[in-house]
Amino acid sequence: MAYPRYLTIELIRQELQDRTPADNTIDCDLFFTDEDILHAMDRAAAKYNALAPIGIDVKSPKNLPANTSIFLDAVLACLYSAAIHKLSRNLMTWRTGDSTIELEKSRLEAFSVLKKEAEQAWKEAAKDRKMEINRQLAWGFF
């Protein structure tokens, strides 16, 4: 199978391990919808395009290059951010007898760590990539 040129919903689901409901034993469903992923792709493109230097950007969120982890990490950071917002709205503590369950809190903490890692990775790599492209445009290829 040839690796695609651009990120796809399937590639992102593979990275997230959110391919089928069987991947999510707690929810028994996909955690992210296709619309969630497409929105995250749009946000990732916008965030990349907003980084300096401006003008070195991606033209479409549907054409995020798959030959670098920059855009995959950016999409993941956007998805984790959305999940954090959703889980934060639904924080509840369940008490049954002597047991207390804070399931959403544990998930929230895990997503927060994943978001921070993905965001840091894509921003650093994106700045380096844009600066390299800028150097090549100004001075030519070496």
N, C-alpha and C. Protein backbone atom coordinates (compact mmCIF):
# COMPACT_ATOMS: atom_id res chain seq x y z
N MET A 1 0.84 -1.18 0.00
CA MET A 1 0.00 0.00 0.00
C MET A 1 0.89 1.25 0.00
N ALA A 2 0.63 2.15 -0.91
CA ALA A 2 1.39 3.39 -0.99
C ALA A 2 0.93 4.35 0.11
N TYR A 3 1.90 5.01 0.69
CA TYR A 3 1.58 6.00 1.73
C TYR A 3 1.03 7.24 1.05
N PRO A 4 -0.07 7.79 1.54
CA PRO A 4 -0.66 8.95 0.89
C PRO A 4 0.20 10.20 1.02
N ARG A 5 0.06 11.09 0.07
CA ARG A 5 0.78 12.37 0.10
C ARG A 5 0.25 13.29 1.18
N TYR A 6 -1.05 13.21 1.42
CA TYR A 6 -1.70 14.12 2.36
C TYR A 6 -2.34 13.33 3.49
N LEU A 7 -2.51 14.02 4.63
CA LEU A 7 -3.19 13.39 5.76
C LEU A 7 -4.63 13.06 5.40
N THR A 8 -5.07 11.92 5.89
CA THR A 8 -6.45 11.50 5.69
C THR A 8 -7.07 11.21 7.05
N ILE A 9 -8.36 11.14 7.07
CA ILE A 9 -9.06 10.79 8.31
C ILE A 9 -8.57 9.43 8.79
N GLU A 10 -8.36 8.50 7.87
CA GLU A 10 -7.92 7.15 8.25
C GLU A 10 -6.54 7.17 8.91
N LEU A 11 -5.61 7.95 8.37
CA LEU A 11 -4.27 8.05 8.98
C LEU A 11 -4.35 8.65 10.39
N ILE A 12 -5.19 9.64 10.53
CA ILE A 12 -5.34 10.28 11.84
C ILE A 12 -5.98 9.31 12.82
N ARG A 13 -7.01 8.60 12.38
CA ARG A 13 -7.65 7.60 13.25
C ARG A 13 -6.65 6.51 13.66
N GLN A 14 -5.80 6.11 12.73
CA GLN A 14 -4.79 5.09 13.04
C GLN A 14 -3.86 5.59 14.14
N GLU A 15 -3.40 6.82 14.03
CA GLU A 15 -2.50 7.39 15.03
C GLU A 15 -3.19 7.50 16.39
N LEU A 16 -4.46 7.88 16.38
CA LEU A 16 -5.23 8.02 17.61
C LEU A 16 -5.66 6.68 18.21
N GLN A 17 -5.58 5.63 17.41
CA GLN A 17 -6.16 4.34 17.78
C GLN A 17 -7.65 4.52 18.08
N ASP A 18 -8.32 5.22 17.18
CA ASP A 18 -9.75 5.50 17.25
C ASP A 18 -10.38 5.06 15.93
N ARG A 19 -10.07 3.80 15.54
CA ARG A 19 -10.49 3.28 14.24
C ARG A 19 -11.88 2.69 14.25
N THR A 20 -12.22 2.02 15.33
CA THR A 20 -13.53 1.35 15.44
C THR A 20 -14.02 1.48 16.88
N PRO A 21 -15.29 1.23 17.12
CA PRO A 21 -15.78 1.25 18.50
C PRO A 21 -15.01 0.29 19.41
N ALA A 22 -14.46 -0.78 18.87
CA ALA A 22 -13.70 -1.73 19.68
C ALA A 22 -12.43 -1.09 20.27
N ASP A 23 -11.93 -0.03 19.66
CA ASP A 23 -10.77 0.68 20.20
C ASP A 23 -11.10 1.47 21.46
N ASN A 24 -12.37 1.69 21.72
CA ASN A 24 -12.82 2.52 22.83
C ASN A 24 -13.76 1.74 23.74
N THR A 25 -13.17 0.93 24.57
CA THR A 25 -13.99 0.03 25.40
C THR A 25 -14.87 0.78 26.40
N ILE A 26 -14.48 1.97 26.79
CA ILE A 26 -15.31 2.73 27.73
C ILE A 26 -16.53 3.31 27.04
N ASP A 27 -16.32 3.93 25.88
CA ASP A 27 -17.43 4.59 25.17
C ASP A 27 -18.21 3.65 24.26
N CYS A 28 -17.58 2.57 23.83
CA CYS A 28 -18.18 1.65 22.87
C CYS A 28 -18.60 2.38 21.59
N ASP A 29 -17.82 3.36 21.22
CA ASP A 29 -18.07 4.14 20.02
C ASP A 29 -16.76 4.84 19.65
N LEU A 30 -16.73 5.46 18.50
CA LEU A 30 -15.58 6.28 18.15
C LEU A 30 -15.56 7.49 19.07
N PHE A 31 -14.39 7.90 19.52
CA PHE A 31 -14.32 9.07 20.39
C PHE A 31 -14.47 10.35 19.58
N PHE A 32 -13.84 10.40 18.39
CA PHE A 32 -13.90 11.57 17.52
C PHE A 32 -14.70 11.23 16.27
N THR A 33 -15.57 12.14 15.87
CA THR A 33 -16.32 11.96 14.63
C THR A 33 -15.44 12.40 13.45
N ASP A 34 -15.85 12.03 12.25
CA ASP A 34 -15.14 12.50 11.06
C ASP A 34 -15.18 14.03 11.00
N GLU A 35 -16.30 14.62 11.41
CA GLU A 35 -16.42 16.08 11.42
C GLU A 35 -15.44 16.70 12.41
N ASP A 36 -15.24 16.06 13.57
CA ASP A 36 -14.25 16.54 14.54
C ASP A 36 -12.86 16.56 13.91
N ILE A 37 -12.54 15.50 13.19
CA ILE A 37 -11.22 15.39 12.58
C ILE A 37 -11.05 16.42 11.46
N LEU A 38 -12.06 16.60 10.63
CA LEU A 38 -11.98 17.60 9.57
C LEU A 38 -11.83 19.00 10.14
N HIS A 39 -12.55 19.28 11.23
CA HIS A 39 -12.43 20.58 11.89
C HIS A 39 -11.02 20.76 12.45
N ALA A 40 -10.47 19.72 13.04
CA ALA A 40 -9.11 19.79 13.59
C ALA A 40 -8.09 20.00 12.46
N MET A 41 -8.32 19.41 11.30
CA MET A 41 -7.43 19.62 10.15
C MET A 41 -7.48 21.09 9.71
N ASP A 42 -8.68 21.66 9.71
CA ASP A 42 -8.85 23.06 9.36
C ASP A 42 -8.13 23.95 10.36
N ARG A 43 -8.28 23.67 11.65
CA ARG A 43 -7.63 24.46 12.70
C ARG A 43 -6.11 24.31 12.63
N ALA A 44 -5.63 23.10 12.35
CA ALA A 44 -4.19 22.88 12.25
C ALA A 44 -3.60 23.69 11.11
N ALA A 45 -4.28 23.72 9.96
CA ALA A 45 -3.81 24.51 8.82
C ALA A 45 -3.79 25.99 9.19
N ALA A 46 -4.84 26.47 9.84
CA ALA A 46 -4.91 27.88 10.22
C ALA A 46 -3.80 28.24 11.22
N LYS A 47 -3.55 27.37 12.19
CA LYS A 47 -2.50 27.63 13.17
C LYS A 47 -1.12 27.63 12.51
N TYR A 48 -0.89 26.70 11.61
CA TYR A 48 0.38 26.66 10.89
C TYR A 48 0.56 27.93 10.05
N ASN A 49 -0.48 28.31 9.36
CA ASN A 49 -0.41 29.48 8.49
C ASN A 49 -0.19 30.76 9.30
N ALA A 50 -0.60 30.79 10.55
CA ALA A 50 -0.44 31.98 11.40
C ALA A 50 0.97 32.12 11.96
N LEU A 51 1.76 31.04 11.90
CA LEU A 51 3.13 31.13 12.39
C LEU A 51 4.01 31.93 11.44
N ALA A 52 4.93 32.70 12.01
CA ALA A 52 5.88 33.44 11.17
C ALA A 52 6.90 32.47 10.59
N PRO A 53 7.41 32.71 9.42
CA PRO A 53 7.06 33.80 8.53
C PRO A 53 5.74 33.53 7.80
N ILE A 54 4.92 34.56 7.74
CA ILE A 54 3.62 34.47 7.09
C ILE A 54 3.86 34.38 5.57
N GLY A 55 2.99 33.67 4.90
CA GLY A 55 3.10 33.54 3.45
C GLY A 55 3.66 32.19 3.04
N ILE A 56 4.29 31.50 3.99
CA ILE A 56 4.73 30.13 3.74
C ILE A 56 3.69 29.26 4.41
N ASP A 57 2.69 28.90 3.66
CA ASP A 57 1.56 28.23 4.29
C ASP A 57 1.02 27.09 3.45
N VAL A 58 0.06 26.40 4.03
CA VAL A 58 -0.64 25.35 3.30
C VAL A 58 -1.90 25.98 2.73
N LYS A 59 -2.25 25.59 1.53
CA LYS A 59 -3.36 26.22 0.82
C LYS A 59 -4.72 25.68 1.25
N SER A 60 -4.74 24.42 1.69
CA SER A 60 -6.02 23.80 2.04
C SER A 60 -5.83 22.81 3.18
N PRO A 61 -6.75 22.80 4.13
CA PRO A 61 -6.66 21.81 5.21
C PRO A 61 -6.81 20.38 4.71
N LYS A 62 -7.29 20.21 3.49
CA LYS A 62 -7.42 18.87 2.92
C LYS A 62 -6.12 18.42 2.27
N ASN A 63 -5.14 19.33 2.22
CA ASN A 63 -3.84 19.01 1.62
C ASN A 63 -2.71 19.18 2.62
N LEU A 64 -2.90 18.68 3.82
CA LEU A 64 -1.84 18.73 4.83
C LEU A 64 -0.84 17.62 4.51
N PRO A 65 0.41 17.98 4.25
CA PRO A 65 1.40 16.97 3.86
C PRO A 65 1.54 15.86 4.91
N ALA A 66 1.63 14.64 4.42
CA ALA A 66 1.79 13.48 5.31
C ALA A 66 3.24 13.06 5.43
N ASN A 67 4.16 13.75 4.72
CA ASN A 67 5.57 13.35 4.75
C ASN A 67 6.34 13.97 5.92
N THR A 68 5.63 14.61 6.82
CA THR A 68 6.21 15.19 8.03
C THR A 68 5.22 14.99 9.17
N SER A 69 5.73 14.95 10.38
CA SER A 69 4.83 14.78 11.53
C SER A 69 4.23 16.10 11.99
N ILE A 70 4.66 17.21 11.40
CA ILE A 70 4.18 18.53 11.83
C ILE A 70 2.66 18.59 11.82
N PHE A 71 2.08 18.24 10.70
CA PHE A 71 0.65 18.43 10.55
C PHE A 71 -0.15 17.38 11.31
N LEU A 72 0.37 16.17 11.37
CA LEU A 72 -0.29 15.14 12.17
C LEU A 72 -0.30 15.56 13.64
N ASP A 73 0.83 16.01 14.15
CA ASP A 73 0.88 16.47 15.54
C ASP A 73 -0.03 17.67 15.77
N ALA A 74 -0.10 18.58 14.80
CA ALA A 74 -0.98 19.74 14.93
C ALA A 74 -2.45 19.32 14.99
N VAL A 75 -2.83 18.37 14.13
CA VAL A 75 -4.21 17.88 14.14
C VAL A 75 -4.51 17.19 15.47
N LEU A 76 -3.58 16.36 15.94
CA LEU A 76 -3.79 15.68 17.22
C LEU A 76 -3.93 16.68 18.36
N ALA A 77 -3.09 17.72 18.37
CA ALA A 77 -3.19 18.75 19.41
C ALA A 77 -4.56 19.42 19.39
N CYS A 78 -5.07 19.70 18.19
CA CYS A 78 -6.40 20.31 18.07
C CYS A 78 -7.49 19.35 18.55
N LEU A 79 -7.37 18.07 18.22
CA LEU A 79 -8.37 17.09 18.68
C LEU A 79 -8.33 16.94 20.20
N TYR A 80 -7.12 16.86 20.76
CA TYR A 80 -7.01 16.74 22.21
C TYR A 80 -7.56 17.98 22.90
N SER A 81 -7.33 19.15 22.32
CA SER A 81 -7.87 20.38 22.89
C SER A 81 -9.40 20.34 22.91
N ALA A 82 -9.99 19.89 21.81
CA ALA A 82 -11.46 19.78 21.75
C ALA A 82 -11.97 18.78 22.79
N ALA A 83 -11.24 17.66 22.93
CA ALA A 83 -11.65 16.65 23.92
C ALA A 83 -11.55 17.21 25.33
N ILE A 84 -10.53 18.00 25.60
CA ILE A 84 -10.37 18.62 26.92
C ILE A 84 -11.54 19.53 27.23
N HIS A 85 -11.94 20.33 26.25
CA HIS A 85 -13.09 21.22 26.45
C HIS A 85 -14.36 20.41 26.72
N LYS A 86 -14.56 19.37 25.96
CA LYS A 86 -15.76 18.53 26.13
C LYS A 86 -15.76 17.85 27.49
N LEU A 87 -14.63 17.24 27.84
CA LEU A 87 -14.56 16.53 29.11
C LEU A 87 -14.67 17.49 30.29
N SER A 88 -14.13 18.69 30.16
CA SER A 88 -14.20 19.68 31.24
C SER A 88 -15.64 20.07 31.55
N ARG A 89 -16.45 20.13 30.51
CA ARG A 89 -17.87 20.48 30.71
C ARG A 89 -18.63 19.38 31.44
N ASN A 90 -18.12 18.16 31.34
CA ASN A 90 -18.87 17.02 31.87
C ASN A 90 -18.20 16.38 33.09
N LEU A 91 -17.37 17.12 33.79
CA LEU A 91 -16.72 16.56 34.96
C LEU A 91 -17.74 16.24 36.04
N MET A 92 -17.72 15.02 36.50
CA MET A 92 -18.63 14.59 37.56
C MET A 92 -17.91 13.57 38.43
N THR A 93 -18.26 13.53 39.66
CA THR A 93 -17.76 12.50 40.57
C THR A 93 -18.92 11.57 40.88
N TRP A 94 -18.68 10.28 40.68
CA TRP A 94 -19.70 9.27 40.96
C TRP A 94 -19.35 8.60 42.28
N ARG A 95 -20.33 8.53 43.19
CA ARG A 95 -20.12 7.86 44.46
C ARG A 95 -21.11 6.71 44.59
N THR A 96 -20.56 5.55 44.91
CA THR A 96 -21.38 4.38 45.14
C THR A 96 -20.85 3.72 46.40
N GLY A 97 -21.60 3.79 47.45
CA GLY A 97 -21.12 3.22 48.71
C GLY A 97 -19.83 3.88 49.14
N ASP A 98 -18.79 3.07 49.28
CA ASP A 98 -17.48 3.59 49.69
C ASP A 98 -16.59 3.92 48.50
N SER A 99 -17.09 3.76 47.29
CA SER A 99 -16.28 3.98 46.08
C SER A 99 -16.59 5.33 45.45
N THR A 100 -15.54 5.96 44.96
CA THR A 100 -15.67 7.22 44.22
C THR A 100 -14.96 7.04 42.88
N ILE A 101 -15.66 7.39 41.82
CA ILE A 101 -15.10 7.26 40.48
C ILE A 101 -15.09 8.63 39.82
N GLU A 102 -13.93 9.02 39.32
CA GLU A 102 -13.78 10.26 38.58
C GLU A 102 -13.21 9.94 37.20
N LEU A 103 -13.97 9.20 36.44
CA LEU A 103 -13.51 8.71 35.15
C LEU A 103 -13.12 9.85 34.21
N GLU A 104 -13.95 10.84 34.06
CA GLU A 104 -13.66 11.93 33.14
C GLU A 104 -12.42 12.71 33.57
N LYS A 105 -12.19 12.81 34.88
CA LYS A 105 -11.00 13.52 35.36
C LYS A 105 -9.73 12.81 34.90
N SER A 106 -9.71 11.51 34.97
CA SER A 106 -8.54 10.75 34.51
C SER A 106 -8.33 10.92 33.02
N ARG A 107 -9.39 10.88 32.26
CA ARG A 107 -9.29 11.07 30.82
C ARG A 107 -8.83 12.50 30.50
N LEU A 108 -9.35 13.45 31.24
CA LEU A 108 -8.98 14.84 31.05
C LEU A 108 -7.48 15.04 31.28
N GLU A 109 -6.96 14.45 32.32
CA GLU A 109 -5.53 14.55 32.62
C GLU A 109 -4.69 13.91 31.51
N ALA A 110 -5.13 12.76 31.03
CA ALA A 110 -4.40 12.07 29.96
C ALA A 110 -4.40 12.90 28.68
N PHE A 111 -5.55 13.44 28.30
CA PHE A 111 -5.63 14.27 27.10
C PHE A 111 -4.80 15.53 27.25
N SER A 112 -4.75 16.10 28.44
CA SER A 112 -3.95 17.31 28.67
C SER A 112 -2.47 17.04 28.41
N VAL A 113 -1.97 15.91 28.88
CA VAL A 113 -0.58 15.54 28.66
C VAL A 113 -0.32 15.32 27.17
N LEU A 114 -1.20 14.58 26.51
CA LEU A 114 -1.05 14.31 25.08
C LEU A 114 -1.08 15.59 24.26
N LYS A 115 -1.99 16.51 24.62
CA LYS A 115 -2.08 17.78 23.89
C LYS A 115 -0.80 18.57 24.03
N LYS A 116 -0.29 18.66 25.23
CA LYS A 116 0.94 19.43 25.47
C LYS A 116 2.10 18.87 24.65
N GLU A 117 2.25 17.56 24.63
CA GLU A 117 3.32 16.92 23.87
C GLU A 117 3.18 17.17 22.37
N ALA A 118 1.98 16.96 21.84
CA ALA A 118 1.74 17.14 20.41
C ALA A 118 1.92 18.60 20.00
N GLU A 119 1.41 19.51 20.82
CA GLU A 119 1.50 20.93 20.51
C GLU A 119 2.95 21.42 20.49
N GLN A 120 3.71 20.99 21.48
CA GLN A 120 5.12 21.38 21.53
C GLN A 120 5.87 20.83 20.32
N ALA A 121 5.62 19.59 19.97
CA ALA A 121 6.31 18.95 18.85
C ALA A 121 6.02 19.66 17.53
N TRP A 122 4.74 19.93 17.26
CA TRP A 122 4.42 20.51 15.95
C TRP A 122 4.89 21.95 15.85
N LYS A 123 4.78 22.72 16.94
CA LYS A 123 5.19 24.13 16.85
C LYS A 123 6.68 24.27 16.60
N GLU A 124 7.48 23.51 17.29
CA GLU A 124 8.93 23.58 17.10
C GLU A 124 9.30 23.15 15.68
N ALA A 125 8.74 22.04 15.23
CA ALA A 125 9.05 21.54 13.89
C ALA A 125 8.53 22.48 12.81
N ALA A 126 7.36 23.07 13.01
CA ALA A 126 6.79 23.99 12.03
C ALA A 126 7.64 25.24 11.89
N LYS A 127 8.09 25.79 13.00
CA LYS A 127 8.95 26.98 12.94
C LYS A 127 10.23 26.68 12.18
N ASP A 128 10.84 25.54 12.49
CA ASP A 128 12.07 25.13 11.78
C ASP A 128 11.81 24.97 10.29
N ARG A 129 10.70 24.33 9.94
CA ARG A 129 10.37 24.09 8.53
C ARG A 129 10.14 25.40 7.80
N LYS A 130 9.38 26.30 8.42
CA LYS A 130 9.10 27.58 7.77
C LYS A 130 10.36 28.42 7.61
N MET A 131 11.24 28.39 8.59
CA MET A 131 12.49 29.14 8.49
C MET A 131 13.37 28.56 7.38
N GLU A 132 13.40 27.24 7.27
CA GLU A 132 14.19 26.61 6.20
C GLU A 132 13.65 26.97 4.82
N ILE A 133 12.33 26.94 4.68
CA ILE A 133 11.71 27.33 3.40
C ILE A 133 12.03 28.79 3.12
N ASN A 134 11.96 29.64 4.13
CA ASN A 134 12.27 31.05 3.98
C ASN A 134 13.72 31.26 3.53
N ARG A 135 14.64 30.52 4.15
CA ARG A 135 16.06 30.60 3.75
C ARG A 135 16.24 30.16 2.30
N GLN A 136 15.58 29.09 1.93
CA GLN A 136 15.71 28.59 0.56
C GLN A 136 15.14 29.58 -0.45
N LEU A 137 14.04 30.22 -0.11
CA LEU A 137 13.46 31.23 -1.01
C LEU A 137 14.38 32.44 -1.15
N ALA A 138 15.04 32.82 -0.05
CA ALA A 138 15.90 34.00 -0.07
C ALA A 138 17.26 33.72 -0.69
N TRP A 139 17.83 32.55 -0.40
CA TRP A 139 19.21 32.29 -0.78
C TRP A 139 19.36 31.15 -1.79
N GLY A 140 18.29 30.49 -2.10
CA GLY A 140 18.38 29.36 -3.01
C GLY A 140 18.70 28.07 -2.27
N PHE A 141 18.70 26.97 -2.99
CA PHE A 141 18.96 25.67 -2.40
C PHE A 141 20.45 25.40 -2.35
N PHE A 142 20.89 24.76 -1.27
CA PHE A 142 22.31 24.42 -1.13
C PHE A 142 22.53 22.97 -1.42
